Amino acid sequence: MVRRVLARHDLIGPYADHPAVETATRVAPDGTRLLFLLNHAPEPARLTAHATATDLLTGKRSERSEPLTLDPLGVAVLRLR
């Protein structure tokens, strides 16, 4: 029931089905949205990009619906478009 209420209000993160992946979204004063992804697992996390974004740590751009892999214990900081 709690999950349905959270989903109804768009409060479930895009990677909620990946328990080892922690996410946090921040919005800068200029409106830039940043998505922080942390993989707490000792194996890669295979995700699907939920939005077009640029990883600020690597410079790699990913398009919506493309595969997105986080290294074991890896981190990504995505600037969302």
Protein backbone atom coordinates (compact mmCIF):
# COMPACT_ATOMS: atom_id res chain seq x y z
CA MET A 1 0.00 0.00 0.00
CA VAL A 2 2.81 2.42 0.85
CA ARG A 3 4.44 1.78 -2.54
CA ARG A 4 1.18 2.66 -4.33
CA VAL A 5 0.88 5.94 -2.43
CA LEU A 6 4.50 6.83 -3.18
CA ALA A 7 4.03 5.94 -6.86
CA ARG A 8 0.86 8.01 -7.09
CA HIS A 9 2.78 11.06 -5.88
CA ASP A 10 5.87 10.32 -8.01
CA LEU A 11 8.02 9.71 -4.94
CA ILE A 12 9.61 6.41 -6.00
CA GLY A 13 13.05 6.83 -7.51
CA PRO A 14 13.80 5.53 -11.00
CA TYR A 15 15.96 2.69 -9.68
CA ALA A 16 13.86 1.52 -6.72
CA ASP A 17 13.98 -2.04 -8.06
CA HIS A 18 17.76 -2.10 -7.58
CA PRO A 19 18.21 -2.37 -3.79
CA ALA A 20 22.00 -1.94 -3.94
CA VAL A 21 21.75 1.35 -5.86
CA GLU A 22 21.27 4.49 -3.79
CA THR A 23 19.95 7.59 -5.55
CA ALA A 24 19.59 11.23 -4.64
CA THR A 25 18.35 14.08 -6.78
CA ARG A 26 19.38 17.66 -6.20
CA VAL A 27 18.23 20.81 -7.96
CA ALA A 28 20.67 23.73 -8.18
CA PRO A 29 19.42 27.32 -7.82
CA ASP A 30 19.65 27.70 -11.61
CA GLY A 31 17.31 24.71 -12.09
CA THR A 32 19.99 22.19 -13.08
CA ARG A 33 18.97 18.72 -11.91
CA LEU A 34 21.66 16.34 -10.69
CA LEU A 35 21.12 12.63 -10.06
CA PHE A 36 23.66 10.94 -7.80
CA LEU A 37 23.90 7.14 -8.21
CA LEU A 38 25.89 4.97 -5.78
CA ASN A 39 26.28 1.23 -6.32
CA HIS A 40 26.82 -0.43 -2.95
CA ALA A 41 27.18 -3.91 -4.49
CA PRO A 42 30.47 -5.69 -5.23
CA GLU A 43 29.17 -6.43 -8.75
CA PRO A 44 28.18 -4.05 -11.56
CA ALA A 45 24.68 -2.55 -11.51
CA ARG A 46 23.04 -2.79 -14.92
CA LEU A 47 20.45 -0.04 -15.27
CA THR A 48 18.54 1.71 -18.02
CA ALA A 49 18.86 5.48 -18.32
CA HIS A 50 15.53 7.04 -17.41
CA ALA A 51 16.44 10.40 -18.98
CA THR A 52 19.03 11.95 -21.26
CA ALA A 53 21.99 12.86 -19.05
CA THR A 54 25.70 13.59 -18.92
CA ASP A 55 27.89 11.95 -16.29
CA LEU A 56 29.85 14.81 -14.77
CA LEU A 57 32.63 12.46 -13.61
CA THR A 58 33.34 10.86 -16.99
CA GLY A 59 31.79 13.25 -19.51
CA LYS A 60 29.85 10.35 -21.04
CA ARG A 61 26.41 11.19 -22.37
CA SER A 62 23.57 8.69 -22.17
CA GLU A 63 20.23 8.86 -23.92
CA ARG A 64 16.91 7.85 -22.41
CA SER A 65 16.40 4.04 -22.50
CA GLU A 66 20.09 3.30 -23.15
CA PRO A 67 21.95 0.80 -20.95
CA LEU A 68 23.73 2.40 -18.02
CA THR A 69 26.24 0.39 -16.00
CA LEU A 70 27.65 1.37 -12.62
CA ASP A 71 30.93 -0.29 -11.69
CA PRO A 72 31.11 -2.37 -8.52
CA LEU A 73 30.95 0.13 -5.65
CA GLY A 74 30.78 2.79 -8.40
CA VAL A 75 29.41 6.30 -8.46
CA ALA A 76 27.85 8.47 -11.16
CA VAL A 77 26.77 12.10 -11.02
CA LEU A 78 24.32 12.71 -13.85
CA ARG A 79 23.28 16.15 -15.07
CA LEU A 80 19.77 15.58 -16.38
CA ARG A 81 18.50 17.30 -19.49
